[in-house]
C-alpha atoms as a PDB file:
ATOM      1  CA  MET A   1       0.027  -0.004   0.013  1.00  0.00           C
ATOM      2  CA  GLU A   2       1.192   3.442  -0.833  1.00  0.00           C
ATOM      3  CA  LYS A   3      -0.184   6.630   0.724  1.00  0.00           C
ATOM      4  CA  TYR A   4      -0.505   9.708  -1.468  1.00  0.00           C
ATOM      5  CA  THR A   5      -2.502  12.930  -1.758  1.00  0.00           C
ATOM      6  CA  ASN A   6      -4.783  13.120  -4.824  1.00  0.00           C
ATOM      7  CA  GLU A   7      -5.462  16.091  -7.089  1.00  0.00           C
ATOM      8  CA  LEU A   8      -8.294  17.239  -4.756  1.00  0.00           C
ATOM      9  CA  GLY A   9      -5.959  17.217  -1.735  1.00  0.00           C
ATOM     10  CA  LYS A  10      -7.473  14.024  -0.262  1.00  0.00           C
ATOM     11  CA  GLU A  11      -5.346  11.456   1.542  1.00  0.00           C
ATOM     12  CA  CYS A  12      -5.566   8.156  -0.343  1.00  0.00           C
ATOM     13  CA  TYR A  13      -3.951   4.728  -0.650  1.00  0.00           C
ATOM     14  CA  LYS A  14      -3.141   2.882  -3.846  1.00  0.00           C
ATOM     15  CA  GLY A  15      -1.998  -0.727  -4.258  1.00  0.00           C
ATOM     16  CA  VAL A  16      -4.540  -1.872  -1.652  1.00  0.00           C
ATOM     17  CA  GLU A  17      -5.600  -5.520  -1.929  1.00  0.00           C
ATOM     18  CA  MET A  18      -8.483  -7.329  -0.236  1.00  0.00           C
ATOM     19  CA  PHE A  19      -5.893  -9.050   2.027  1.00  0.00           C
ATOM     20  CA  SER A  20      -4.127  -5.747   2.938  1.00  0.00           C
ATOM     21  CA  PRO A  21      -4.015  -5.106   6.714  1.00  0.00           C
ATOM     22  CA  PHE A  22      -6.830  -2.974   8.120  1.00  0.00           C
ATOM     23  CA  ASP A  23      -6.671  -0.696  11.147  1.00  0.00           C
ATOM     24  CA  LYS A  24      -7.652   2.744  12.382  1.00  0.00           C
ATOM     25  CA  SER A  25      -4.287   4.315  11.496  1.00  0.00           C
ATOM     26  CA  LEU A  26      -5.240   4.154   7.803  1.00  0.00           C
ATOM     27  CA  PHE A  27      -8.094   6.612   8.291  1.00  0.00           C
ATOM     28  CA  HIS A  28      -7.877  10.374   8.351  1.00  0.00           C
ATOM     29  CA  GLU A  29     -10.239  12.724  10.129  1.00  0.00           C
ATOM     30  CA  TRP A  30     -12.532  15.001   8.208  1.00  0.00           C
ATOM     31  CA  LYS A  31     -13.896  18.064  10.023  1.00  0.00           C
ATOM     32  CA  HIS A  32     -17.548  18.889   9.449  1.00  0.00           C
ATOM     33  CA  ASN A  33     -18.913  22.377   9.487  1.00  0.00           C
ATOM     34  CA  THR A  34     -21.115  21.377  12.401  1.00  0.00           C
ATOM     35  CA  TYR A  35     -19.661  21.150  15.877  1.00  0.00           C
ATOM     36  CA  ASP A  36     -21.051  17.743  16.817  1.00  0.00           C
ATOM     37  CA  GLU A  37     -20.030  15.502  13.973  1.00  0.00           C
ATOM     38  CA  TYR A  38     -16.876  13.445  13.702  1.00  0.00           C
ATOM     39  CA  GLN A  39     -15.898  11.471  10.586  1.00  0.00           C
ATOM     40  CA  LEU A  40     -12.993   9.181   9.714  1.00  0.00           C
ATOM     41  CA  ILE A  41     -12.319   8.379   6.051  1.00  0.00           C
ATOM     42  CA  LEU A  42     -10.228   5.809   4.194  1.00  0.00           C
ATOM     43  CA  HIS A  43      -9.923   6.310   0.432  1.00  0.00           C
ATOM     44  CA  THR A  44      -8.337   3.412  -1.493  1.00  0.00           C
ATOM     45  CA  ASN A  45      -8.231   2.013  -5.003  1.00  0.00           C
ATOM     46  CA  LEU A  46     -10.853  -0.544  -3.798  1.00  0.00           C
ATOM     47  CA  GLY A  47     -13.276   2.196  -2.668  1.00  0.00           C
ATOM     48  CA  SER A  48     -13.848   4.404   0.338  1.00  0.00           C
ATOM     49  CA  LEU A  49     -14.769   3.518   3.912  1.00  0.00           C
ATOM     50  CA  THR A  50     -16.243   6.146   6.224  1.00  0.00           C
ATOM     51  CA  VAL A  51     -17.204   6.159   9.868  1.00  0.00           C
ATOM     52  CA  LEU A  52     -19.464   8.996  11.019  1.00  0.00           C
ATOM     53  CA  ASP A  53     -20.397   9.758  14.638  1.00  0.00           C
ATOM     54  CA  ARG A  54     -23.214  12.347  14.655  1.00  0.00           C
ATOM     55  CA  GLN A  55     -26.169  13.809  16.406  1.00  0.00           C
ATOM     56  CA  THR A  56     -29.304  12.401  14.776  1.00  0.00           C
ATOM     57  CA  GLY A  57     -32.437  14.345  13.914  1.00  0.00           C
ATOM     58  CA  PHE A  58     -34.511  12.172  16.252  1.00  0.00           C
ATOM     59  CA  GLY A  59     -34.178  14.230  19.383  1.00  0.00           C
ATOM     60  CA  PRO A  60     -31.666  15.975  21.597  1.00  0.00           C
ATOM     61  CA  GLY A  61     -28.756  13.852  22.771  1.00  0.00           C
ATOM     62  CA  ILE A  62     -29.402  10.962  20.435  1.00  0.00           C
ATOM     63  CA  ARG A  63     -26.231  10.025  18.561  1.00  0.00           C
ATOM     64  CA  ASP A  64     -25.452   7.371  16.027  1.00  0.00           C
ATOM     65  CA  VAL A  65     -22.362   5.860  14.531  1.00  0.00           C
ATOM     66  CA  GLU A  66     -22.651   4.676  10.934  1.00  0.00           C
ATOM     67  CA  THR A  67     -20.246   3.162   8.493  1.00  0.00           C
ATOM     68  CA  GLY A  68     -20.367   3.511   4.737  1.00  0.00           C
ATOM     69  CA  PHE A  69     -18.588   1.917   1.806  1.00  0.00           C
ATOM     70  CA  ARG A  70     -18.535   3.304  -1.745  1.00  0.00           C
ATOM     71  CA  ASP A  71     -16.957   1.088  -4.367  1.00  0.00           C
ATOM     72  CA  PRO A  72     -15.085   2.393  -7.466  1.00  0.00           C
ATOM     73  CA  ASP A  73     -18.281   2.051  -9.568  1.00  0.00           C
ATOM     74  CA  GLY A  74     -20.161   4.365  -7.182  1.00  0.00           C
ATOM     75  CA  LYS A  75     -22.294   1.716  -5.445  1.00  0.00           C
ATOM     76  CA  PHE A  76     -22.899   2.691  -1.791  1.00  0.00           C
ATOM     77  CA  TRP A  77     -23.687   0.658   1.326  1.00  0.00           C
ATOM     78  CA  LEU A  78     -24.549   2.296   4.638  1.00  0.00           C
ATOM     79  CA  ALA A  79     -24.767   0.504   7.998  1.00  0.00           C
ATOM     80  CA  SER A  80     -26.325   2.656  10.705  1.00  0.00           C
ATOM     81  CA  GLY A  81     -27.339   1.988  14.269  1.00  0.00           C
ATOM     82  CA  GLY A  82     -23.989   1.921  16.042  1.00  0.00           C
ATOM     83  CA  ILE A  83     -22.080   0.121  13.273  1.00  0.00           C
ATOM     84  CA  ASN A  84     -18.379   1.059  13.432  1.00  0.00           C
ATOM     85  CA  VAL A  85     -16.095  -0.885  11.088  1.00  0.00           C
ATOM     86  CA  ILE A  86     -13.050   0.383  12.966  1.00  0.00           C
ATOM     87  CA  ALA A  87     -14.250  -1.361  16.149  1.00  0.00           C
ATOM     88  CA  SER A  88     -15.376  -4.477  14.250  1.00  0.00           C
ATOM     89  CA  GLY A  89     -12.197  -6.478  14.709  1.00  0.00           C
ATOM     90  CA  CYS A  90     -11.638  -6.843  10.948  1.00  0.00           C
ATOM     91  CA  LYS A  91      -8.047  -7.652  10.144  1.00  0.00           C
ATOM     92  CA  THR A  92      -8.010  -6.978   6.363  1.00  0.00           C
ATOM     93  CA  VAL A  93      -9.496  -4.379   4.082  1.00  0.00           C
ATOM     94  CA  GLY A  94     -11.525  -7.112   2.414  1.00  0.00           C
ATOM     95  CA  GLU A  95     -12.999  -8.167   5.771  1.00  0.00           C
ATOM     96  CA  ALA A  96     -13.902  -4.518   6.498  1.00  0.00           C
ATOM     97  CA  ILE A  97     -15.643  -4.091   3.148  1.00  0.00           C
ATOM     98  CA  ASP A  98     -17.554  -7.351   3.636  1.00  0.00           C
ATOM     99  CA  TYR A  99     -18.473  -6.261   7.203  1.00  0.00           C
ATOM    100  CA  VAL A 100     -20.062  -3.035   5.947  1.00  0.00           C
ATOM    101  CA  LYS A 101     -21.940  -4.840   3.187  1.00  0.00           C
ATOM    102  CA  ALA A 102     -23.235  -7.522   5.609  1.00  0.00           C
ATOM    103  CA  HIS A 103     -24.485  -4.898   8.110  1.00  0.00           C
ATOM    104  CA  ALA A 104     -25.855  -2.397   5.564  1.00  0.00           C
ATOM    105  CA  ASN A 105     -29.359  -1.512   6.610  1.00  0.00           C
ATOM    106  CA  THR A 106     -29.857   2.031   5.317  1.00  0.00           C
ATOM    107  CA  CYS A 107     -28.428   1.971   1.761  1.00  0.00           C
ATOM    108  CA  VAL A 108     -27.849  -1.182  -0.248  1.00  0.00           C
ATOM    109  CA  PRO A 109     -27.399  -1.118  -4.013  1.00  0.00           C
ATOM    110  CA  THR A 110     -30.129  -3.021  -5.823  1.00  0.00           C
ATOM    111  CA  ASP A 111     -27.841  -4.411  -8.488  1.00  0.00           C
ATOM    112  CA  THR A 112     -25.232  -6.184  -6.335  1.00  0.00           C
END
């Protein structure tokens, strides 16, 4: 795996394989304009993984953690309800991608 900054200034990794090691250190933080959201992002040649911790719209003090995966073709899976791929115990990038797909309950592509 090789880390680089793309033309949009985003931290990315190329040469990532499904068996490449997976851990929190691969992610970078993205600051939202709102004060109460925290997001970690991992952009790779296999797609992007995101973990978002945010205040929901369902009432004061209700937070959620959700994990998303967007593949290179633009298909998107979203697993909400406290799903955090970083805390999942996945050891490889492939396991992490499969974890998000298996737990996706908010967005699931219809043509998978």
